[in-house]
């Protein structure tokens, strides 16, 4: 799936879209955790899911600090992110993790776009930079363990 997060005209709208993408990512991680067989993989995916949960908390607080209403759940796109993982379950752990690489590509792109914006709120800079660092770390690990 290709994301458009970060391309919104208004920064607050972009943050809301990013927050929804984070909810989508959390759902995809839950689906993956429930389907992988390797306990090592489960543990790492749990760690990454916790990062996404922290991103959700940070972005929600950021929006509220700017008197913006924060989304409280995933977008309709969650089924695309989660669906890749569910279908990959038919093949095994490597395919599930490969599906997660695809999902992490979207979150990396979104955070890169958000990081490059010139209209960022001052209090968003560190949140976005930390999120981008986490997303890069997630994707790098997933790419090292997948053979696809």
N, C-alpha and C. Protein backbone atom coordinates (compact mmCIF):
# COMPACT_ATOMS: atom_id res chain seq x y z
N UNK A 1 0.86 -1.16 0.00
CA UNK A 1 0.00 0.00 0.00
C UNK A 1 0.90 1.22 0.00
N UNK A 2 0.53 2.21 -0.74
CA UNK A 2 1.28 3.46 -0.79
C UNK A 2 0.57 4.47 0.08
N UNK A 3 1.33 5.15 0.91
CA UNK A 3 0.74 6.12 1.82
C UNK A 3 0.87 7.52 1.26
N UNK A 4 -0.10 8.34 1.60
CA UNK A 4 -0.07 9.75 1.25
C UNK A 4 0.13 10.61 2.49
N UNK A 5 0.39 9.96 3.62
CA UNK A 5 0.59 10.68 4.87
C UNK A 5 1.78 11.63 4.72
N UNK A 6 1.56 12.86 5.13
CA UNK A 6 2.59 13.89 5.04
C UNK A 6 2.41 14.81 3.86
N UNK A 7 1.52 14.45 2.95
CA UNK A 7 1.29 15.30 1.77
C UNK A 7 0.14 16.27 1.97
N UNK A 8 -0.52 16.20 3.10
CA UNK A 8 -1.66 17.07 3.36
C UNK A 8 -1.19 18.53 3.42
N UNK A 9 -2.06 19.44 3.02
CA UNK A 9 -1.72 20.86 3.00
C UNK A 9 -1.49 21.39 4.40
N UNK A 10 -2.34 21.02 5.32
CA UNK A 10 -2.32 21.53 6.69
C UNK A 10 -1.53 20.55 7.58
N UNK A 11 -0.60 21.06 8.37
CA UNK A 11 0.21 20.20 9.22
C UNK A 11 -0.64 19.41 10.21
N UNK A 12 -1.63 20.02 10.80
CA UNK A 12 -2.46 19.29 11.77
C UNK A 12 -3.18 18.12 11.10
N UNK A 13 -3.63 18.30 9.86
CA UNK A 13 -4.26 17.19 9.14
C UNK A 13 -3.25 16.07 8.87
N UNK A 14 -2.02 16.45 8.56
CA UNK A 14 -0.97 15.45 8.33
C UNK A 14 -0.70 14.66 9.61
N UNK A 15 -0.67 15.34 10.75
CA UNK A 15 -0.45 14.65 12.03
C UNK A 15 -1.60 13.68 12.30
N UNK A 16 -2.82 14.09 12.01
CA UNK A 16 -3.97 13.20 12.21
C UNK A 16 -3.87 11.96 11.33
N UNK A 17 -3.45 12.15 10.09
CA UNK A 17 -3.27 11.01 9.18
C UNK A 17 -2.14 10.10 9.68
N UNK A 18 -1.08 10.70 10.19
CA UNK A 18 0.03 9.92 10.74
C UNK A 18 -0.45 9.12 11.94
N UNK A 19 -1.25 9.71 12.77
CA UNK A 19 -1.79 9.01 13.93
C UNK A 19 -2.64 7.82 13.49
N UNK A 20 -3.47 8.01 12.48
CA UNK A 20 -4.27 6.88 11.98
C UNK A 20 -3.37 5.78 11.42
N UNK A 21 -2.29 6.18 10.73
CA UNK A 21 -1.35 5.19 10.21
C UNK A 21 -0.69 4.42 11.36
N UNK A 22 -0.42 5.10 12.46
CA UNK A 22 0.15 4.42 13.63
C UNK A 22 -0.84 3.39 14.20
N UNK A 23 -2.11 3.76 14.25
CA UNK A 23 -3.12 2.78 14.69
C UNK A 23 -3.16 1.59 13.73
N UNK A 24 -3.07 1.87 12.42
CA UNK A 24 -3.04 0.79 11.42
C UNK A 24 -1.84 -0.13 11.68
N UNK A 25 -0.69 0.47 11.94
CA UNK A 25 0.54 -0.31 12.18
C UNK A 25 0.38 -1.18 13.43
N UNK A 26 -0.20 -0.61 14.47
CA UNK A 26 -0.42 -1.37 15.71
C UNK A 26 -1.29 -2.60 15.42
N UNK A 27 -2.35 -2.41 14.64
CA UNK A 27 -3.23 -3.53 14.27
C UNK A 27 -2.47 -4.59 13.48
N UNK A 28 -1.63 -4.15 12.55
CA UNK A 28 -0.86 -5.10 11.75
C UNK A 28 0.11 -5.88 12.63
N UNK A 29 0.73 -5.20 13.59
CA UNK A 29 1.64 -5.91 14.50
C UNK A 29 0.88 -6.92 15.35
N UNK A 30 -0.30 -6.56 15.81
CA UNK A 30 -1.09 -7.52 16.58
C UNK A 30 -1.40 -8.75 15.74
N UNK A 31 -1.76 -8.53 14.48
CA UNK A 31 -2.05 -9.66 13.59
C UNK A 31 -0.81 -10.52 13.40
N UNK A 32 0.34 -9.88 13.21
CA UNK A 32 1.58 -10.64 13.00
C UNK A 32 1.97 -11.42 14.25
N UNK A 33 1.87 -10.78 15.40
CA UNK A 33 2.22 -11.43 16.66
C UNK A 33 1.36 -12.67 16.88
N UNK A 34 0.10 -12.58 16.52
CA UNK A 34 -0.81 -13.71 16.70
C UNK A 34 -0.57 -14.83 15.70
N UNK A 35 0.26 -14.58 14.68
CA UNK A 35 0.43 -15.57 13.63
C UNK A 35 1.83 -16.15 13.49
N UNK A 36 2.86 -15.42 13.91
CA UNK A 36 4.21 -15.98 13.77
C UNK A 36 4.41 -17.10 14.78
N UNK A 37 5.21 -18.06 14.39
CA UNK A 37 5.46 -19.19 15.27
C UNK A 37 6.70 -18.98 16.14
N UNK A 38 7.70 -18.30 15.62
CA UNK A 38 8.95 -18.11 16.33
C UNK A 38 8.75 -17.21 17.55
N UNK A 39 9.17 -17.70 18.70
CA UNK A 39 9.06 -16.89 19.93
C UNK A 39 9.98 -15.67 19.87
N UNK A 40 11.14 -15.81 19.24
CA UNK A 40 12.04 -14.67 19.07
C UNK A 40 11.39 -13.57 18.23
N UNK A 41 10.73 -13.99 17.16
CA UNK A 41 10.03 -13.02 16.30
C UNK A 41 8.90 -12.36 17.07
N UNK A 42 8.14 -13.17 17.81
CA UNK A 42 7.03 -12.60 18.60
C UNK A 42 7.54 -11.53 19.55
N UNK A 43 8.65 -11.82 20.21
CA UNK A 43 9.20 -10.88 21.19
C UNK A 43 9.60 -9.57 20.50
N UNK A 44 10.25 -9.66 19.37
CA UNK A 44 10.69 -8.45 18.66
C UNK A 44 9.47 -7.68 18.14
N UNK A 45 8.48 -8.38 17.63
CA UNK A 45 7.27 -7.72 17.12
C UNK A 45 6.51 -7.03 18.26
N UNK A 46 6.51 -7.65 19.44
CA UNK A 46 5.89 -7.02 20.61
C UNK A 46 6.61 -5.70 20.95
N UNK A 47 7.92 -5.72 20.86
CA UNK A 47 8.71 -4.51 21.12
C UNK A 47 8.34 -3.41 20.12
N UNK A 48 8.24 -3.78 18.85
CA UNK A 48 7.90 -2.79 17.83
C UNK A 48 6.47 -2.29 17.99
N UNK A 49 5.57 -3.18 18.37
CA UNK A 49 4.18 -2.76 18.62
C UNK A 49 4.15 -1.74 19.76
N UNK A 50 4.95 -1.96 20.79
CA UNK A 50 5.02 -1.02 21.91
C UNK A 50 5.52 0.34 21.43
N UNK A 51 6.46 0.35 20.49
CA UNK A 51 6.91 1.63 19.92
C UNK A 51 5.75 2.35 19.25
N UNK A 52 4.95 1.61 18.48
CA UNK A 52 3.80 2.22 17.81
C UNK A 52 2.78 2.74 18.82
N UNK A 53 2.61 2.01 19.90
CA UNK A 53 1.69 2.48 20.95
C UNK A 53 2.21 3.78 21.57
N UNK A 54 3.54 3.88 21.74
CA UNK A 54 4.12 5.12 22.25
C UNK A 54 3.93 6.25 21.25
N UNK A 55 4.10 5.97 19.98
CA UNK A 55 3.87 6.99 18.94
C UNK A 55 2.44 7.49 19.00
N UNK A 56 1.51 6.57 19.21
CA UNK A 56 0.09 6.94 19.30
C UNK A 56 -0.11 7.90 20.47
N UNK A 57 0.47 7.57 21.61
CA UNK A 57 0.33 8.45 22.79
C UNK A 57 0.95 9.82 22.51
N UNK A 58 2.15 9.83 21.92
CA UNK A 58 2.84 11.09 21.65
C UNK A 58 2.07 11.97 20.66
N UNK A 59 1.59 11.37 19.58
CA UNK A 59 0.87 12.14 18.57
C UNK A 59 -0.48 12.62 19.08
N UNK A 60 -1.14 11.81 19.90
CA UNK A 60 -2.42 12.21 20.49
C UNK A 60 -2.21 13.42 21.40
N UNK A 61 -1.19 13.36 22.24
CA UNK A 61 -0.90 14.48 23.14
C UNK A 61 -0.52 15.73 22.34
N UNK A 62 0.26 15.55 21.29
CA UNK A 62 0.66 16.67 20.44
C UNK A 62 -0.57 17.38 19.86
N UNK A 63 -1.49 16.61 19.32
CA UNK A 63 -2.70 17.20 18.75
C UNK A 63 -3.52 17.91 19.82
N UNK A 64 -3.68 17.27 20.95
CA UNK A 64 -4.46 17.88 22.03
C UNK A 64 -3.82 19.17 22.53
N UNK A 65 -2.49 19.22 22.56
CA UNK A 65 -1.79 20.44 22.97
C UNK A 65 -2.04 21.59 22.00
N UNK A 66 -2.45 21.25 20.79
CA UNK A 66 -2.75 22.27 19.78
C UNK A 66 -4.27 22.40 19.56
N UNK A 67 -5.02 21.94 20.55
CA UNK A 67 -6.48 22.02 20.52
C UNK A 67 -7.08 21.39 19.28
N UNK A 68 -6.49 20.29 18.86
CA UNK A 68 -6.97 19.52 17.72
C UNK A 68 -7.54 18.21 18.22
N UNK A 69 -8.60 17.76 17.59
CA UNK A 69 -9.19 16.47 17.95
C UNK A 69 -8.35 15.35 17.34
N UNK A 70 -7.96 14.41 18.17
CA UNK A 70 -7.11 13.30 17.72
C UNK A 70 -7.96 12.09 17.34
N UNK A 71 -7.64 11.46 16.22
CA UNK A 71 -8.31 10.20 15.89
C UNK A 71 -8.10 9.20 17.03
N UNK A 72 -9.07 8.33 17.23
CA UNK A 72 -8.99 7.37 18.33
C UNK A 72 -8.87 5.93 17.87
N UNK A 73 -8.63 5.74 16.59
CA UNK A 73 -8.50 4.39 16.07
C UNK A 73 -7.97 4.40 14.65
N UNK A 74 -7.84 3.20 14.11
CA UNK A 74 -7.27 3.07 12.77
C UNK A 74 -8.19 3.60 11.68
N UNK A 75 -7.58 3.88 10.55
CA UNK A 75 -8.35 4.28 9.37
C UNK A 75 -8.90 3.02 8.72
N UNK A 76 -9.65 3.19 7.67
CA UNK A 76 -10.15 2.04 6.93
C UNK A 76 -9.03 1.27 6.25
N UNK A 77 -7.86 1.88 6.14
CA UNK A 77 -6.73 1.23 5.50
C UNK A 77 -6.13 0.13 6.36
N UNK A 78 -6.55 0.04 7.62
CA UNK A 78 -6.02 -0.99 8.49
C UNK A 78 -6.20 -2.37 7.88
N UNK A 79 -7.26 -2.56 7.13
CA UNK A 79 -7.52 -3.87 6.54
C UNK A 79 -6.49 -4.22 5.49
N UNK A 80 -5.93 -3.21 4.83
CA UNK A 80 -4.87 -3.47 3.86
C UNK A 80 -3.60 -3.92 4.57
N UNK A 81 -3.22 -3.19 5.61
CA UNK A 81 -2.00 -3.53 6.35
C UNK A 81 -2.16 -4.88 7.05
N UNK A 82 -3.28 -5.04 7.71
CA UNK A 82 -3.54 -6.27 8.46
C UNK A 82 -3.78 -7.44 7.51
N UNK A 83 -4.45 -7.16 6.40
CA UNK A 83 -4.77 -8.21 5.43
C UNK A 83 -3.55 -8.87 4.84
N UNK A 84 -2.50 -8.08 4.59
CA UNK A 84 -1.26 -8.64 4.06
C UNK A 84 -0.70 -9.68 5.03
N UNK A 85 -0.79 -9.37 6.31
CA UNK A 85 -0.25 -10.27 7.34
C UNK A 85 -1.11 -11.52 7.43
N UNK A 86 -2.42 -11.36 7.39
CA UNK A 86 -3.33 -12.51 7.49
C UNK A 86 -3.10 -13.45 6.31
N UNK A 87 -3.00 -12.90 5.10
CA UNK A 87 -2.76 -13.74 3.93
C UNK A 87 -1.39 -14.40 4.00
N UNK A 88 -0.41 -13.68 4.48
CA UNK A 88 0.94 -14.23 4.59
C UNK A 88 0.98 -15.41 5.55
N UNK A 89 0.06 -15.44 6.50
CA UNK A 89 -0.02 -16.51 7.48
C UNK A 89 -0.16 -17.87 6.79
N UNK A 90 -0.72 -17.87 5.60
CA UNK A 90 -0.90 -19.12 4.88
C UNK A 90 0.44 -19.73 4.47
N UNK A 91 1.49 -18.92 4.45
CA UNK A 91 2.78 -19.37 3.96
C UNK A 91 3.81 -19.52 5.08
N UNK A 92 3.76 -18.68 6.11
CA UNK A 92 4.69 -18.85 7.21
C UNK A 92 5.33 -17.57 7.70
N UNK A 93 6.22 -17.74 8.68
CA UNK A 93 6.84 -16.60 9.36
C UNK A 93 7.55 -15.65 8.40
N UNK A 94 8.36 -16.20 7.46
CA UNK A 94 9.09 -15.32 6.55
C UNK A 94 8.15 -14.42 5.75
N UNK A 95 7.07 -14.98 5.31
CA UNK A 95 6.12 -14.20 4.50
C UNK A 95 5.38 -13.18 5.37
N UNK A 96 5.08 -13.54 6.59
CA UNK A 96 4.45 -12.59 7.51
C UNK A 96 5.38 -11.40 7.74
N UNK A 97 6.65 -11.70 8.00
CA UNK A 97 7.62 -10.63 8.24
C UNK A 97 7.85 -9.80 6.98
N UNK A 98 7.81 -10.43 5.81
CA UNK A 98 7.94 -9.68 4.55
C UNK A 98 6.76 -8.72 4.39
N UNK A 99 5.58 -9.15 4.79
CA UNK A 99 4.42 -8.27 4.74
C UNK A 99 4.61 -7.09 5.68
N UNK A 100 5.24 -7.33 6.81
CA UNK A 100 5.50 -6.25 7.75
C UNK A 100 6.54 -5.28 7.21
N UNK A 101 7.49 -5.75 6.40
CA UNK A 101 8.45 -4.85 5.76
C UNK A 101 7.69 -3.86 4.88
N UNK A 102 6.72 -4.37 4.14
CA UNK A 102 5.91 -3.51 3.28
C UNK A 102 5.17 -2.46 4.11
N UNK A 103 4.60 -2.88 5.22
CA UNK A 103 3.90 -1.93 6.09
C UNK A 103 4.87 -0.90 6.66
N UNK A 104 6.06 -1.35 7.07
CA UNK A 104 7.05 -0.42 7.63
C UNK A 104 7.58 0.54 6.57
N UNK A 105 7.58 0.13 5.33
CA UNK A 105 7.97 1.06 4.26
C UNK A 105 7.04 2.27 4.25
N UNK A 106 5.75 2.01 4.45
CA UNK A 106 4.78 3.11 4.48
C UNK A 106 5.01 4.03 5.68
N UNK A 107 5.27 3.45 6.85
CA UNK A 107 5.47 4.31 8.01
C UNK A 107 6.78 5.10 7.88
N UNK A 108 7.80 4.49 7.29
CA UNK A 108 9.06 5.21 7.05
C UNK A 108 8.83 6.38 6.11
N UNK A 109 8.11 6.15 5.03
CA UNK A 109 7.81 7.22 4.07
C UNK A 109 7.04 8.34 4.74
N UNK A 110 6.05 7.98 5.54
CA UNK A 110 5.22 8.98 6.21
C UNK A 110 6.07 9.84 7.15
N UNK A 111 6.90 9.21 7.97
CA UNK A 111 7.72 9.97 8.91
C UNK A 111 8.78 10.81 8.18
N UNK A 112 9.32 10.29 7.09
CA UNK A 112 10.28 11.08 6.31
C UNK A 112 9.62 12.34 5.77
N UNK A 113 8.42 12.19 5.23
CA UNK A 113 7.69 13.36 4.73
C UNK A 113 7.40 14.34 5.85
N UNK A 114 6.95 13.83 6.98
CA UNK A 114 6.64 14.71 8.11
C UNK A 114 7.90 15.43 8.60
N UNK A 115 9.01 14.72 8.61
CA UNK A 115 10.27 15.30 9.05
C UNK A 115 10.74 16.41 8.10
N UNK A 116 10.44 16.26 6.82
CA UNK A 116 10.86 17.24 5.81
C UNK A 116 9.96 18.47 5.73
N UNK A 117 8.83 18.44 6.38
CA UNK A 117 7.89 19.57 6.29
C UNK A 117 8.51 20.82 6.92
N UNK A 118 8.22 21.95 6.31
CA UNK A 118 8.73 23.22 6.83
C UNK A 118 7.73 23.89 7.77
N UNK A 119 6.52 23.35 7.83
CA UNK A 119 5.48 23.95 8.68
C UNK A 119 5.25 23.18 9.98
N UNK A 120 6.26 22.37 10.39
CA UNK A 120 6.11 21.58 11.62
C UNK A 120 5.97 22.49 12.83
N UNK A 121 5.17 22.05 13.77
CA UNK A 121 5.12 22.72 15.06
C UNK A 121 6.44 22.44 15.77
N UNK A 122 6.92 23.38 16.54
CA UNK A 122 8.20 23.22 17.24
C UNK A 122 8.17 21.99 18.16
N UNK A 123 7.04 21.76 18.81
CA UNK A 123 6.96 20.63 19.74
C UNK A 123 6.74 19.29 19.02
N UNK A 124 6.63 19.32 17.70
CA UNK A 124 6.47 18.09 16.92
C UNK A 124 7.80 17.55 16.42
N UNK A 125 8.81 18.40 16.38
CA UNK A 125 10.08 18.02 15.75
C UNK A 125 10.69 16.79 16.40
N UNK A 126 10.85 16.79 17.71
CA UNK A 126 11.46 15.65 18.39
C UNK A 126 10.60 14.40 18.28
N UNK A 127 9.29 14.55 18.39
CA UNK A 127 8.37 13.41 18.28
C UNK A 127 8.52 12.75 16.90
N UNK A 128 8.58 13.56 15.88
CA UNK A 128 8.69 13.03 14.52
C UNK A 128 10.07 12.39 14.31
N UNK A 129 11.10 13.02 14.79
CA UNK A 129 12.45 12.46 14.63
C UNK A 129 12.60 11.12 15.37
N UNK A 130 12.06 11.03 16.59
CA UNK A 130 12.10 9.76 17.33
C UNK A 130 11.30 8.69 16.60
N UNK A 131 10.11 9.08 16.10
CA UNK A 131 9.28 8.13 15.37
C UNK A 131 10.00 7.62 14.13
N UNK A 132 10.63 8.52 13.39
CA UNK A 132 11.37 8.13 12.19
C UNK A 132 12.50 7.17 12.54
N UNK A 133 13.22 7.45 13.60
CA UNK A 133 14.31 6.57 14.02
C UNK A 133 13.78 5.18 14.36
N UNK A 134 12.65 5.12 15.07
CA UNK A 134 12.03 3.83 15.40
C UNK A 134 11.63 3.08 14.14
N UNK A 135 11.00 3.78 13.21
CA UNK A 135 10.52 3.13 11.98
C UNK A 135 11.68 2.59 11.16
N UNK A 136 12.76 3.34 11.09
CA UNK A 136 13.94 2.86 10.36
C UNK A 136 14.50 1.60 11.02
N UNK A 137 14.53 1.61 12.35
CA UNK A 137 15.03 0.44 13.10
C UNK A 137 14.14 -0.78 12.87
N UNK A 138 12.82 -0.58 12.89
CA UNK A 138 11.88 -1.68 12.65
C UNK A 138 12.12 -2.29 11.27
N UNK A 139 12.16 -1.42 10.27
CA UNK A 139 12.31 -1.89 8.89
C UNK A 139 13.65 -2.60 8.70
N UNK A 140 14.71 -2.04 9.25
CA UNK A 140 16.03 -2.65 9.11
C UNK A 140 16.05 -4.06 9.72
N UNK A 141 15.47 -4.23 10.90
CA UNK A 141 15.45 -5.55 11.52
C UNK A 141 14.63 -6.52 10.68
N UNK A 142 13.46 -6.09 10.25
CA UNK A 142 12.60 -6.96 9.45
C UNK A 142 13.30 -7.38 8.16
N UNK A 143 14.03 -6.46 7.55
CA UNK A 143 14.74 -6.81 6.32
C UNK A 143 15.87 -7.80 6.58
N UNK A 144 16.49 -7.74 7.75
CA UNK A 144 17.58 -8.67 8.03
C UNK A 144 17.09 -10.08 8.31
N UNK A 145 15.86 -10.24 8.78
CA UNK A 145 15.38 -11.57 9.13
C UNK A 145 14.54 -12.22 8.03
N UNK A 146 14.19 -11.44 7.02
CA UNK A 146 13.40 -12.03 5.93
C UNK A 146 14.33 -12.44 4.81
N UNK A 147 13.99 -13.54 4.21
CA UNK A 147 14.79 -14.03 3.08
C UNK A 147 14.09 -13.74 1.76
N UNK A 148 12.98 -13.01 1.83
CA UNK A 148 12.22 -12.74 0.60
C UNK A 148 12.63 -11.42 -0.01
